N, C-alpha and C. Protein backbone atom coordinates (compact mmCIF):
# COMPACT_ATOMS: atom_id res chain seq x y z
N MET A 1 -25.79 23.35 -17.54
CA MET A 1 -25.06 22.47 -17.91
C MET A 1 -24.00 22.58 -17.10
N ALA A 2 -23.29 21.90 -16.56
CA ALA A 2 -22.05 21.91 -15.22
C ALA A 2 -21.09 21.97 -16.74
N THR A 3 -19.71 22.80 -16.72
CA THR A 3 -18.89 22.89 -17.52
C THR A 3 -17.72 21.54 -16.48
N ARG A 4 -17.17 21.19 -17.18
CA ARG A 4 -15.53 20.80 -16.12
C ARG A 4 -14.95 21.64 -15.75
N GLU A 5 -15.04 23.08 -15.20
CA GLU A 5 -14.39 24.38 -14.74
C GLU A 5 -15.38 23.90 -13.27
N ASP A 6 -16.67 23.48 -12.93
CA ASP A 6 -17.65 23.37 -12.08
C ASP A 6 -17.51 22.00 -11.02
N ASP A 7 -16.43 22.07 -10.67
CA ASP A 7 -15.66 21.14 -9.50
C ASP A 7 -16.15 21.60 -8.23
N PRO A 8 -16.80 20.24 -7.00
CA PRO A 8 -17.87 20.29 -6.02
C PRO A 8 -17.14 20.97 -4.80
N GLY A 9 -15.71 21.57 -5.43
CA GLY A 9 -15.32 22.02 -4.06
C GLY A 9 -13.77 22.09 -4.46
N PRO A 10 -13.00 23.26 -3.69
CA PRO A 10 -11.47 23.17 -3.94
C PRO A 10 -10.70 21.71 -3.71
N VAL A 11 -11.70 20.97 -2.30
CA VAL A 11 -10.62 19.59 -1.90
C VAL A 11 -11.17 18.61 -2.40
N ARG A 12 -12.04 18.81 -3.39
CA ARG A 12 -13.00 17.19 -4.32
C ARG A 12 -12.08 17.42 -5.02
N GLY A 13 -11.73 18.70 -6.11
CA GLY A 13 -10.91 19.42 -7.42
C GLY A 13 -9.57 18.64 -7.07
N VAL A 14 -9.14 19.00 -5.71
CA VAL A 14 -7.51 18.49 -5.84
C VAL A 14 -8.06 16.81 -5.69
N GLU A 15 -8.49 15.76 -5.10
CA GLU A 15 -8.93 14.82 -5.32
C GLU A 15 -8.67 14.20 -6.59
N ARG A 16 -9.46 14.96 -7.61
CA ARG A 16 -9.49 14.11 -9.22
C ARG A 16 -8.14 14.76 -9.28
N ILE A 17 -7.67 16.09 -9.50
CA ILE A 17 -6.63 16.01 -9.80
C ILE A 17 -5.27 15.35 -9.32
N VAL A 18 -5.36 14.84 -7.99
CA VAL A 18 -4.69 14.07 -7.94
C VAL A 18 -4.15 12.12 -8.41
N ARG A 19 -5.96 11.90 -8.57
CA ARG A 19 -6.55 10.14 -8.75
C ARG A 19 -5.59 10.49 -9.94
N ALA A 20 -6.22 11.33 -11.05
CA ALA A 20 -5.78 11.79 -12.40
C ALA A 20 -3.93 11.26 -12.50
N ALA A 21 -3.71 11.93 -11.71
CA ALA A 21 -2.15 12.01 -11.66
C ALA A 21 -1.42 11.03 -12.04
N ILE A 22 -2.36 10.00 -10.75
CA ILE A 22 -1.37 8.73 -10.44
C ILE A 22 -1.60 7.90 -11.20
N GLU A 23 -2.88 7.61 -11.91
CA GLU A 23 -3.13 7.19 -13.13
C GLU A 23 -2.38 7.14 -14.30
N VAL A 24 -1.86 8.72 -14.78
CA VAL A 24 -0.73 9.44 -15.52
C VAL A 24 0.55 8.41 -15.23
N ILE A 25 1.31 9.20 -14.34
CA ILE A 25 2.59 8.64 -13.60
C ILE A 25 2.41 6.89 -13.72
N ALA A 26 1.51 6.35 -13.70
CA ALA A 26 1.36 4.71 -13.39
C ALA A 26 1.87 4.32 -14.91
N GLU A 27 1.43 5.17 -15.77
CA GLU A 27 1.66 4.59 -17.31
C GLU A 27 2.97 5.52 -18.14
N ARG A 28 3.29 6.49 -17.53
CA ARG A 28 4.19 7.32 -18.43
C ARG A 28 5.34 7.56 -17.53
N GLY A 29 5.08 7.76 -16.03
CA GLY A 29 5.96 7.77 -15.50
C GLY A 29 6.30 8.94 -14.76
N PHE A 30 6.77 9.78 -13.48
CA PHE A 30 6.54 10.78 -13.32
C PHE A 30 6.79 11.94 -14.00
N ARG A 31 8.46 11.63 -14.46
CA ARG A 31 8.67 13.12 -15.85
C ARG A 31 8.20 12.67 -16.81
N GLY A 32 7.44 11.69 -17.18
CA GLY A 32 6.95 11.54 -18.64
C GLY A 32 5.05 11.93 -18.33
N ALA A 33 4.97 12.16 -17.31
CA ALA A 33 3.17 12.55 -16.78
C ALA A 33 3.35 13.84 -17.63
N ALA A 34 2.08 14.15 -18.25
CA ALA A 34 2.00 15.65 -19.12
C ALA A 34 0.79 16.26 -18.34
N THR A 35 1.26 17.28 -17.61
CA THR A 35 -0.11 18.22 -17.00
C THR A 35 -1.40 18.13 -17.73
N SER A 36 -1.13 18.03 -19.12
CA SER A 36 -2.16 18.46 -20.27
C SER A 36 -2.90 17.06 -19.85
N GLU A 37 -2.87 16.17 -19.96
CA GLU A 37 -3.17 14.41 -19.86
C GLU A 37 -3.68 14.59 -18.58
N ILE A 38 -3.19 14.87 -17.56
CA ILE A 38 -4.25 14.86 -16.44
C ILE A 38 -5.13 15.58 -15.99
N ALA A 39 -4.58 17.04 -16.36
CA ALA A 39 -6.28 17.37 -16.79
C ALA A 39 -7.17 16.84 -17.30
N ARG A 40 -7.17 16.57 -18.42
CA ARG A 40 -8.26 15.74 -19.42
C ARG A 40 -8.43 14.82 -18.38
N ARG A 41 -8.40 13.61 -17.43
CA ARG A 41 -9.10 12.64 -17.51
C ARG A 41 -9.30 13.23 -15.84
N ALA A 42 -8.64 14.36 -15.48
CA ALA A 42 -9.32 14.67 -13.93
C ALA A 42 -10.80 15.96 -14.68
N GLY A 43 -10.66 15.69 -15.93
CA GLY A 43 -12.28 16.44 -15.87
C GLY A 43 -11.72 18.11 -15.78
N VAL A 44 -10.56 18.92 -15.58
CA VAL A 44 -10.59 20.00 -15.84
C VAL A 44 -9.65 20.82 -16.72
N ALA A 45 -9.92 22.00 -16.56
CA ALA A 45 -8.42 22.63 -17.48
C ALA A 45 -7.59 22.42 -17.03
N GLU A 46 -6.64 22.86 -17.96
CA GLU A 46 -4.91 23.11 -17.04
C GLU A 46 -4.39 23.68 -16.08
N GLY A 47 -5.12 24.65 -16.69
CA GLY A 47 -5.34 26.42 -16.06
C GLY A 47 -5.15 26.03 -14.05
N THR A 48 -6.63 25.27 -14.11
CA THR A 48 -7.23 24.43 -12.40
C THR A 48 -6.22 23.69 -12.22
N ILE A 49 -4.75 22.98 -12.48
CA ILE A 49 -3.96 22.24 -12.06
C ILE A 49 -2.93 23.80 -11.56
N PHE A 50 -2.44 24.36 -11.74
CA PHE A 50 -1.51 25.30 -11.80
C PHE A 50 -2.30 26.01 -10.70
N ARG A 51 -3.28 26.23 -10.69
CA ARG A 51 -4.57 27.08 -9.68
C ARG A 51 -3.95 26.60 -8.32
N HIS A 52 -3.84 24.89 -8.33
CA HIS A 52 -4.06 24.36 -6.86
C HIS A 52 -2.31 23.95 -6.75
N PHE A 53 -1.68 24.27 -7.89
CA PHE A 53 -0.14 23.57 -8.00
C PHE A 53 0.93 24.36 -8.73
N LYS A 54 1.53 25.07 -8.34
CA LYS A 54 2.25 26.37 -8.93
C LYS A 54 2.96 25.58 -10.43
N THR A 55 3.51 24.37 -9.72
CA THR A 55 4.08 23.71 -10.68
C THR A 55 3.90 22.38 -11.03
N LYS A 56 4.47 21.79 -12.01
CA LYS A 56 4.55 20.39 -12.05
C LYS A 56 5.07 19.75 -10.47
N GLN A 57 6.41 20.09 -10.51
CA GLN A 57 6.81 19.48 -9.68
C GLN A 57 5.93 19.41 -7.82
N LEU A 58 5.50 20.53 -8.06
CA LEU A 58 4.79 20.51 -6.77
C LEU A 58 3.67 19.63 -6.87
N LEU A 59 2.86 19.64 -7.78
CA LEU A 59 2.08 18.61 -7.68
C LEU A 59 2.57 17.17 -7.69
N LEU A 60 3.92 16.86 -8.20
CA LEU A 60 4.45 15.24 -7.99
C LEU A 60 4.77 15.78 -6.47
N ASP A 61 5.18 16.29 -5.75
CA ASP A 61 5.57 16.42 -4.48
C ASP A 61 4.54 16.48 -3.74
N HIS A 62 3.51 16.60 -4.10
CA HIS A 62 1.71 16.41 -3.12
C HIS A 62 1.85 15.17 -3.34
N ILE A 63 1.83 14.11 -4.19
CA ILE A 63 1.38 13.12 -4.82
C ILE A 63 1.96 12.12 -4.45
N LEU A 64 3.32 12.85 -4.13
CA LEU A 64 4.54 11.09 -3.52
C LEU A 64 3.93 10.22 -2.21
N GLU A 65 4.28 11.39 -1.32
CA GLU A 65 3.64 10.84 -0.28
C GLU A 65 2.51 10.50 0.61
N PRO A 66 1.71 11.07 -0.32
CA PRO A 66 -0.03 10.51 0.07
C PRO A 66 -0.19 8.48 -0.68
N PHE A 67 0.79 8.96 -2.33
CA PHE A 67 0.65 7.64 -2.85
C PHE A 67 1.54 6.80 -2.07
N VAL A 68 1.98 6.94 -1.48
CA VAL A 68 3.14 5.84 -0.73
C VAL A 68 2.31 5.33 0.56
N GLU A 69 1.78 6.43 1.19
CA GLU A 69 0.51 6.11 2.37
C GLU A 69 -0.19 4.94 2.18
N ARG A 70 -1.06 5.54 1.00
CA ARG A 70 -2.61 5.41 0.54
C ARG A 70 -2.66 4.12 -0.49
N VAL A 71 -1.41 4.39 -1.20
CA VAL A 71 -1.43 3.14 -2.11
C VAL A 71 -0.57 2.27 -1.98
N LEU A 72 0.53 2.74 -2.16
CA LEU A 72 2.06 1.72 -1.52
C LEU A 72 1.66 0.55 -0.58
N ALA A 73 1.35 1.68 1.04
CA ALA A 73 1.34 0.65 2.05
C ALA A 73 0.65 -0.40 2.29
N PRO A 74 -1.06 -0.03 1.68
CA PRO A 74 -2.28 -0.78 2.03
C PRO A 74 -2.02 -2.29 0.65
N ILE A 75 -1.48 -2.22 -0.08
CA ILE A 75 -0.85 -2.76 -1.39
C ILE A 75 -0.21 -3.91 -0.33
N ALA A 76 1.10 -3.36 0.16
CA ALA A 76 2.35 -3.69 0.60
C ALA A 76 1.67 -4.36 1.75
N PHE A 77 0.80 -4.08 3.14
CA PHE A 77 0.54 -5.15 4.23
C PHE A 77 -0.52 -5.61 4.05
N ARG A 78 -1.32 -5.65 2.77
CA ARG A 78 -2.17 -6.54 2.50
C ARG A 78 -2.73 -8.14 3.15
N ASP A 79 -3.04 -8.94 3.84
CA ASP A 79 -2.89 -9.98 4.20
C ASP A 79 -1.60 -10.43 4.88
N LEU A 80 -0.50 -9.32 4.72
CA LEU A 80 0.81 -9.66 5.21
C LEU A 80 1.04 -9.87 6.38
N HIS A 81 -0.13 -9.63 7.19
CA HIS A 81 0.23 -10.04 9.08
C HIS A 81 -0.40 -11.26 9.11
N ARG A 82 -1.45 -11.96 8.47
CA ARG A 82 -2.10 -13.25 8.64
C ARG A 82 -1.34 -13.83 8.10
N LEU A 83 0.04 -13.75 7.18
CA LEU A 83 0.80 -15.20 6.48
C LEU A 83 2.30 -15.06 7.45
N ILE A 84 2.39 -13.83 7.89
CA ILE A 84 3.48 -13.95 9.10
C ILE A 84 3.25 -14.44 10.18
N ASP A 85 1.76 -14.24 10.99
CA ASP A 85 1.65 -15.07 12.05
C ASP A 85 0.98 -16.08 11.95
N THR A 86 1.10 -16.72 10.33
CA THR A 86 0.02 -18.26 10.59
C THR A 86 2.08 -19.06 10.75
N ASP A 87 1.47 -20.26 11.86
CA ASP A 87 2.78 -21.06 12.11
C ASP A 87 2.97 -21.85 10.62
N TYR A 88 3.44 -21.97 9.43
CA TYR A 88 3.20 -22.97 8.89
C TYR A 88 4.35 -24.10 9.24
N PRO A 89 4.45 -25.57 8.77
CA PRO A 89 5.46 -26.29 9.42
C PRO A 89 6.61 -26.49 8.79
N ASP A 90 6.72 -26.24 7.73
CA ASP A 90 7.75 -26.01 7.06
C ASP A 90 7.84 -24.70 6.52
N PHE A 91 8.99 -24.19 6.26
CA PHE A 91 9.54 -22.95 5.39
C PHE A 91 9.42 -22.77 3.79
N ALA A 92 9.15 -24.10 3.35
CA ALA A 92 8.40 -24.19 1.69
C ALA A 92 6.91 -23.82 1.66
N ASP A 93 6.18 -24.25 2.60
CA ASP A 93 4.51 -24.00 2.93
C ASP A 93 4.77 -22.47 2.92
N PHE A 94 5.02 -21.95 3.68
CA PHE A 94 5.83 -20.44 4.36
C PHE A 94 5.59 -19.38 3.11
N LEU A 95 6.89 -20.56 2.43
CA LEU A 95 7.20 -19.41 0.83
C LEU A 95 6.28 -19.50 -0.09
N ARG A 96 5.49 -20.60 -0.44
CA ARG A 96 4.64 -21.04 -1.28
C ARG A 96 3.65 -20.27 -1.13
N GLU A 97 3.11 -19.77 0.12
CA GLU A 97 1.86 -19.08 0.72
C GLU A 97 1.99 -17.46 0.12
N PHE A 98 3.14 -16.71 0.55
CA PHE A 98 3.50 -15.99 0.40
C PHE A 98 4.12 -15.28 -0.53
N ALA A 99 4.54 -16.25 -1.57
CA ALA A 99 4.81 -15.79 -3.20
C ALA A 99 3.20 -15.75 -4.14
N ARG A 100 2.15 -16.33 -3.75
CA ARG A 100 0.93 -16.50 -4.13
C ARG A 100 0.11 -15.50 -3.97
N ASN A 101 -0.05 -15.24 -2.72
CA ASN A 101 -0.22 -13.89 -2.02
C ASN A 101 0.12 -12.76 -2.30
N ARG A 102 1.41 -12.31 -2.66
CA ARG A 102 2.41 -11.47 -3.19
C ARG A 102 1.46 -10.82 -4.63
N LEU A 103 1.60 -12.09 -5.51
CA LEU A 103 1.88 -12.27 -6.84
C LEU A 103 0.00 -11.44 -7.08
N ALA A 104 -0.91 -12.03 -6.61
CA ALA A 104 -2.07 -12.29 -6.31
C ALA A 104 -2.53 -10.68 -6.26
N VAL A 105 -1.61 -10.04 -5.35
CA VAL A 105 -2.27 -8.59 -4.89
C VAL A 105 -1.60 -7.54 -5.53
N ALA A 106 -0.08 -7.78 -6.24
CA ALA A 106 0.46 -7.23 -7.21
C ALA A 106 -0.31 -6.98 -8.63
N ARG A 107 -0.56 -8.00 -9.19
CA ARG A 107 -1.74 -8.14 -9.90
C ARG A 107 -2.99 -7.46 -9.80
N GLU A 108 -3.20 -7.67 -8.74
CA GLU A 108 -4.43 -6.17 -8.50
C GLU A 108 -4.10 -4.91 -8.93
N HIS A 109 -2.63 -5.06 -8.88
CA HIS A 109 -2.67 -3.16 -8.50
C HIS A 109 -1.12 -3.11 -9.47
N VAL A 110 -1.31 -3.36 -10.70
CA VAL A 110 -0.33 -3.06 -11.57
C VAL A 110 0.09 -2.15 -12.07
N PRO A 111 -0.83 -1.04 -12.44
CA PRO A 111 -0.45 0.69 -12.02
C PRO A 111 0.51 1.15 -11.26
N ALA A 112 -0.04 0.62 -10.08
CA ALA A 112 1.13 1.08 -8.65
C ALA A 112 2.27 0.39 -8.68
N LEU A 113 2.70 -1.00 -9.32
CA LEU A 113 3.81 -1.93 -9.02
C LEU A 113 4.63 -0.81 -10.48
N ARG A 114 3.80 -0.63 -11.60
CA ARG A 114 4.73 0.29 -12.13
C ARG A 114 5.59 1.72 -11.79
N ILE A 115 4.41 2.57 -11.32
CA ILE A 115 5.07 3.72 -10.57
C ILE A 115 6.34 3.50 -9.94
N PHE A 116 5.69 1.80 -8.88
CA PHE A 116 7.35 1.75 -7.90
C PHE A 116 8.48 1.50 -8.52
N LEU A 117 8.49 0.54 -9.62
CA LEU A 117 9.50 -0.02 -10.44
C LEU A 117 10.09 1.10 -11.07
N GLN A 118 8.98 2.40 -11.81
CA GLN A 118 10.11 3.40 -12.40
C GLN A 118 10.46 4.23 -11.88
N GLU A 119 10.51 4.43 -10.43
CA GLU A 119 10.14 5.75 -9.63
C GLU A 119 11.46 5.78 -8.61
N VAL A 120 11.21 4.18 -8.07
CA VAL A 120 12.05 4.28 -7.06
C VAL A 120 13.86 4.08 -7.21
N PRO A 121 14.16 3.43 -8.38
CA PRO A 121 15.64 3.86 -8.33
C PRO A 121 16.20 5.31 -8.90
N LEU A 122 15.26 6.32 -9.45
CA LEU A 122 15.11 7.30 -9.11
C LEU A 122 14.88 8.35 -8.58
N SER A 123 14.39 7.98 -7.14
CA SER A 123 14.35 8.93 -6.21
C SER A 123 14.44 8.87 -5.01
N PRO A 124 15.65 9.67 -4.63
CA PRO A 124 15.71 9.10 -3.10
C PRO A 124 14.51 9.69 -2.03
N GLU A 125 13.63 10.42 -2.75
CA GLU A 125 12.78 11.34 -1.81
C GLU A 125 11.79 9.81 -2.23
N LEU A 126 11.32 9.00 -2.54
CA LEU A 126 10.34 8.21 -2.84
C LEU A 126 11.01 6.72 -2.11
N ARG A 127 12.46 6.34 -1.75
CA ARG A 127 12.94 5.57 -0.99
C ARG A 127 12.35 5.67 0.07
N THR A 128 12.95 7.20 0.56
CA THR A 128 12.84 7.49 2.01
C THR A 128 11.66 6.73 2.50
N MET A 129 10.47 7.45 1.82
CA MET A 129 8.92 7.60 1.89
C MET A 129 8.67 5.62 2.29
N VAL A 130 8.85 4.98 1.38
CA VAL A 130 8.45 3.61 1.43
C VAL A 130 9.43 2.88 2.70
N PHE A 131 10.65 3.23 2.59
CA PHE A 131 11.39 2.91 3.82
C PHE A 131 10.45 3.38 5.22
N ARG A 132 9.93 4.25 5.63
CA ARG A 132 9.57 4.65 6.40
C ARG A 132 7.87 4.27 6.79
N HIS A 133 7.26 4.16 5.38
CA HIS A 133 5.90 3.67 5.68
C HIS A 133 5.57 2.42 5.14
N ILE A 134 6.45 1.69 4.70
CA ILE A 134 6.32 0.36 4.43
C ILE A 134 7.35 -0.65 5.26
N GLY A 135 8.82 -0.50 4.61
CA GLY A 135 10.16 -0.71 5.16
C GLY A 135 10.12 -1.42 6.43
N ARG A 136 10.63 -0.39 7.29
CA ARG A 136 10.55 -0.34 9.09
C ARG A 136 9.99 -1.16 9.56
N HIS A 137 7.99 -1.49 9.27
CA HIS A 137 7.61 -2.02 9.28
C HIS A 137 7.47 -3.72 9.17
N VAL A 138 7.94 -3.78 8.06
CA VAL A 138 7.66 -5.31 7.26
C VAL A 138 9.59 -6.01 7.62
N VAL A 139 10.23 -5.40 7.48
CA VAL A 139 11.63 -5.74 7.27
C VAL A 139 11.61 -6.98 8.40
N PRO A 140 11.30 -6.00 9.97
CA PRO A 140 11.81 -7.10 10.87
C PRO A 140 10.95 -8.22 11.16
N GLU A 141 9.94 -8.25 10.62
CA GLU A 141 8.51 -8.97 10.61
C GLU A 141 9.29 -10.90 10.14
N LEU A 142 9.66 -10.01 8.65
CA LEU A 142 10.41 -11.08 8.06
C LEU A 142 11.40 -11.59 8.14
N LEU A 143 12.60 -10.60 8.55
CA LEU A 143 13.48 -10.97 9.97
C LEU A 143 13.31 -12.00 11.00
N ALA A 144 12.22 -11.64 11.34
CA ALA A 144 11.57 -12.47 12.56
C ALA A 144 11.61 -14.12 12.26
N VAL A 145 10.57 -14.41 11.23
CA VAL A 145 9.91 -15.50 10.19
C VAL A 145 11.49 -16.46 9.79
N ILE A 146 12.55 -15.47 9.28
CA ILE A 146 13.48 -16.37 9.12
C ILE A 146 14.27 -17.09 9.99
N ARG A 147 14.40 -15.97 11.06
CA ARG A 147 14.78 -16.81 12.45
C ARG A 147 13.67 -17.76 12.70
N LYS A 148 12.86 -17.94 12.86
CA LYS A 148 12.15 -18.98 13.31
C LYS A 148 13.02 -20.64 12.38
N TYR A 149 12.68 -19.58 11.11
CA TYR A 149 12.89 -21.44 10.48
C TYR A 149 14.32 -21.55 10.61
N GLN A 150 15.24 -20.54 10.76
CA GLN A 150 16.81 -21.12 11.11
C GLN A 150 16.30 -22.02 12.35
N ALA A 151 16.15 -21.60 13.53
CA ALA A 151 16.18 -21.96 15.16
C ALA A 151 15.27 -23.62 14.87
N ARG A 152 14.22 -23.98 13.64
CA ARG A 152 13.81 -25.21 13.18
C ARG A 152 15.11 -26.21 12.73
N GLY A 153 16.13 -25.49 12.11
CA GLY A 153 17.15 -26.34 11.35
C GLY A 153 16.96 -26.72 9.88
N GLN A 154 15.76 -25.36 9.22
CA GLN A 154 15.40 -25.64 8.25
C GLN A 154 15.92 -24.89 7.08
N ILE A 155 16.40 -23.77 7.85
CA ILE A 155 17.28 -22.67 6.53
C ILE A 155 18.55 -22.63 7.30
N ARG A 156 19.89 -22.02 6.40
CA ARG A 156 21.27 -22.29 6.84
C ARG A 156 21.23 -20.95 7.80
N SER A 157 21.93 -20.77 8.67
CA SER A 157 22.41 -20.04 9.57
C SER A 157 23.12 -18.72 9.14
N ASP A 158 23.24 -18.65 7.58
CA ASP A 158 23.52 -17.02 7.16
C ASP A 158 22.85 -16.26 7.70
N PRO A 159 23.40 -14.63 7.32
CA PRO A 159 22.59 -13.56 7.60
C PRO A 159 21.14 -13.33 8.16
N PRO A 160 20.31 -12.92 8.96
CA PRO A 160 19.02 -13.69 8.08
C PRO A 160 18.66 -12.50 6.52
N GLU A 161 19.30 -10.65 7.41
CA GLU A 161 19.21 -10.25 6.27
C GLU A 161 19.97 -10.69 4.85
N THR A 162 20.82 -11.43 4.67
CA THR A 162 21.01 -12.12 3.37
C THR A 162 19.88 -13.30 2.98
N VAL A 163 19.12 -14.38 3.98
CA VAL A 163 18.16 -15.03 3.33
C VAL A 163 17.42 -13.99 2.82
N LEU A 164 17.16 -13.08 3.94
CA LEU A 164 16.05 -11.87 2.86
C LEU A 164 16.08 -11.15 1.73
N ARG A 165 17.68 -10.97 1.32
CA ARG A 165 17.81 -10.33 0.16
C ARG A 165 17.32 -11.80 -0.83
N LEU A 166 18.14 -12.53 -0.99
CA LEU A 166 18.18 -13.92 -1.76
C LEU A 166 16.23 -13.99 -2.14
N LEU A 167 15.49 -14.27 -1.14
CA LEU A 167 14.22 -14.42 -0.93
C LEU A 167 13.38 -13.18 -1.97
N MET A 168 13.86 -12.28 -1.62
CA MET A 168 12.91 -10.63 -1.89
C MET A 168 13.53 -11.05 -3.66
N SER A 169 14.80 -11.16 -3.97
CA SER A 169 14.88 -11.21 -4.86
C SER A 169 14.18 -12.24 -6.16
N ALA A 170 14.10 -13.96 -5.54
CA ALA A 170 13.68 -14.72 -6.42
C ALA A 170 12.29 -14.31 -6.69
N LEU A 171 11.86 -13.74 -5.68
CA LEU A 171 9.97 -14.01 -5.59
C LEU A 171 10.05 -12.70 -5.96
N GLY A 172 10.15 -11.54 -6.04
CA GLY A 172 10.32 -10.15 -6.63
C GLY A 172 10.60 -10.55 -8.08
N GLY A 173 11.57 -11.21 -8.11
CA GLY A 173 12.03 -11.19 -9.87
C GLY A 173 10.76 -11.58 -10.53
N TYR A 174 10.23 -12.73 -9.90
CA TYR A 174 9.30 -13.71 -10.96
C TYR A 174 8.08 -12.66 -11.17
N ILE A 175 7.59 -11.88 -9.82
CA ILE A 175 6.70 -11.10 -9.98
C ILE A 175 6.52 -9.50 -10.91
N ILE A 176 7.63 -9.13 -10.60
CA ILE A 176 7.97 -7.89 -11.72
C ILE A 176 8.56 -8.94 -13.78
N THR A 177 8.99 -9.96 -13.73
CA THR A 177 8.96 -10.42 -15.15
C THR A 177 7.36 -10.66 -15.42
N ARG A 178 6.95 -11.46 -14.55
CA ARG A 178 5.26 -12.00 -14.88
C ARG A 178 4.84 -10.52 -15.41
N LEU A 179 4.52 -9.93 -14.14
CA LEU A 179 3.47 -8.47 -14.67
C LEU A 179 4.07 -7.32 -15.36
N ALA A 180 5.48 -6.97 -15.24
CA ALA A 180 5.91 -5.93 -15.88
C ALA A 180 6.64 -6.29 -16.82
N ILE A 181 7.50 -6.96 -17.12
CA ILE A 181 8.75 -6.61 -18.07
C ILE A 181 8.11 -7.65 -19.13
N LEU A 182 7.53 -8.95 -18.34
CA LEU A 182 7.06 -10.08 -20.16
C LEU A 182 5.66 -10.35 -19.27
N PRO A 183 4.49 -9.94 -19.89
CA PRO A 183 3.33 -9.78 -19.27
C PRO A 183 2.58 -10.87 -19.93
N ASP A 184 2.75 -10.73 -21.15
CA ASP A 184 1.65 -11.27 -22.13
C ASP A 184 2.85 -12.55 -22.39
N TYR A 185 3.99 -13.53 -21.68
CA TYR A 185 4.31 -14.51 -22.30
C TYR A 185 3.50 -15.59 -21.56
N PRO A 186 2.68 -16.62 -21.71
CA PRO A 186 1.70 -17.30 -20.88
C PRO A 186 2.38 -18.37 -19.95
N TRP A 187 2.69 -17.49 -18.65
CA TRP A 187 3.44 -18.69 -17.78
C TRP A 187 2.70 -19.37 -16.97
N ASP A 188 3.31 -19.99 -16.46
CA ASP A 188 1.99 -21.30 -15.59
C ASP A 188 2.94 -21.03 -14.28
N ASP A 189 2.07 -19.83 -13.42
CA ASP A 189 2.38 -19.36 -11.80
C ASP A 189 2.08 -20.55 -11.15
N ASP A 190 1.67 -21.29 -10.91
CA ASP A 190 1.63 -22.40 -9.95
C ASP A 190 2.98 -23.14 -10.54
N ARG A 191 3.32 -23.50 -11.58
CA ARG A 191 4.69 -24.42 -11.68
C ARG A 191 5.87 -23.13 -11.60
N GLU A 192 6.06 -22.00 -12.15
CA GLU A 192 7.15 -21.25 -11.22
C GLU A 192 7.52 -20.45 -9.93
N ILE A 193 5.90 -20.59 -9.40
CA ILE A 193 6.62 -20.91 -8.02
C ILE A 193 7.37 -21.83 -7.75
N GLU A 194 6.17 -22.94 -7.93
CA GLU A 194 7.23 -23.77 -7.14
C GLU A 194 8.87 -24.08 -7.58
N LEU A 195 8.56 -23.94 -8.88
CA LEU A 195 10.28 -24.03 -9.15
C LEU A 195 11.28 -23.36 -8.64
N THR A 196 10.60 -21.78 -8.47
CA THR A 196 11.38 -21.08 -7.79
C THR A 196 11.95 -20.83 -6.46
N ILE A 197 10.63 -21.79 -5.52
CA ILE A 197 10.70 -22.60 -4.46
C ILE A 197 11.77 -23.42 -4.43
N GLY A 198 11.47 -24.05 -4.90
CA GLY A 198 12.64 -25.77 -4.90
C GLY A 198 13.97 -24.97 -4.59
N ALA A 199 14.05 -24.05 -5.92
CA ALA A 199 15.38 -23.74 -6.02
C ALA A 199 15.85 -22.84 -4.44
N MET A 200 15.18 -22.36 -4.39
CA MET A 200 15.69 -21.03 -2.94
C MET A 200 15.73 -22.34 -1.81
N THR A 201 14.39 -23.41 -1.69
CA THR A 201 15.18 -24.22 -0.46
C THR A 201 16.17 -25.23 -0.90
N ARG A 202 16.62 -25.46 -1.28
CA ARG A 202 17.67 -26.03 -1.63
C ARG A 202 19.02 -25.40 -1.55
N GLY A 203 19.18 -24.05 -2.28
CA GLY A 203 19.70 -23.50 -1.96
C GLY A 203 20.52 -22.62 -0.18
N LEU A 204 19.25 -23.20 0.31
CA LEU A 204 19.48 -22.50 1.57
C LEU A 204 19.30 -23.96 3.01
N ARG A 205 19.39 -24.74 2.01
CA ARG A 205 19.23 -25.74 2.89
C ARG A 205 20.98 -25.97 4.02
N PRO A 206 20.38 -26.26 4.88
CA PRO A 206 21.82 -26.37 5.90
C PRO A 206 22.24 -27.33 5.43
N ASP A 207 23.71 -27.20 5.40
CA ASP A 207 25.00 -28.31 5.43
C ASP A 207 24.83 -29.57 5.97
């Protein structure tokens, strides 16, 4: 009978440890993740982790960039280019589809969202990686969308970066509240999205 030490090979063993570590980190944060719990979920002895990674910090460092590249980036980019490339007639229509899509994607990846929220404020390395893999690609495209609707006279001519900050604060604030802060509250997503979009479009309406 195979034991939990009978990994199919060192590469597969590392993959199992990394997957288990991401699960535990999603629940407890990087600093609260115990190697004993990671080992249990990976189906290996705790000593096996330290054969691959000399310290817990090395394990976390090993996870960090693959987590951003393989988990956060695909989540961030899912359907994004379709949304950006679609020429919605009104800015409110774009916001509505953007908000619904981002909420749906985040709902499917709540553990990754929790890691992001827990660790980005505390980790300069994670912030740098998020910008390198996601931000430097996404931000220019969203700024271009804002400039397009400004040129059509649908949004105030404030700096596009300011408009983007306001939009992400409002939409991101609802998604975070909905899924991470008050997930058990009986939210009416359609109603909340419409109210949020109404407030934003009124506030950004040209004088």
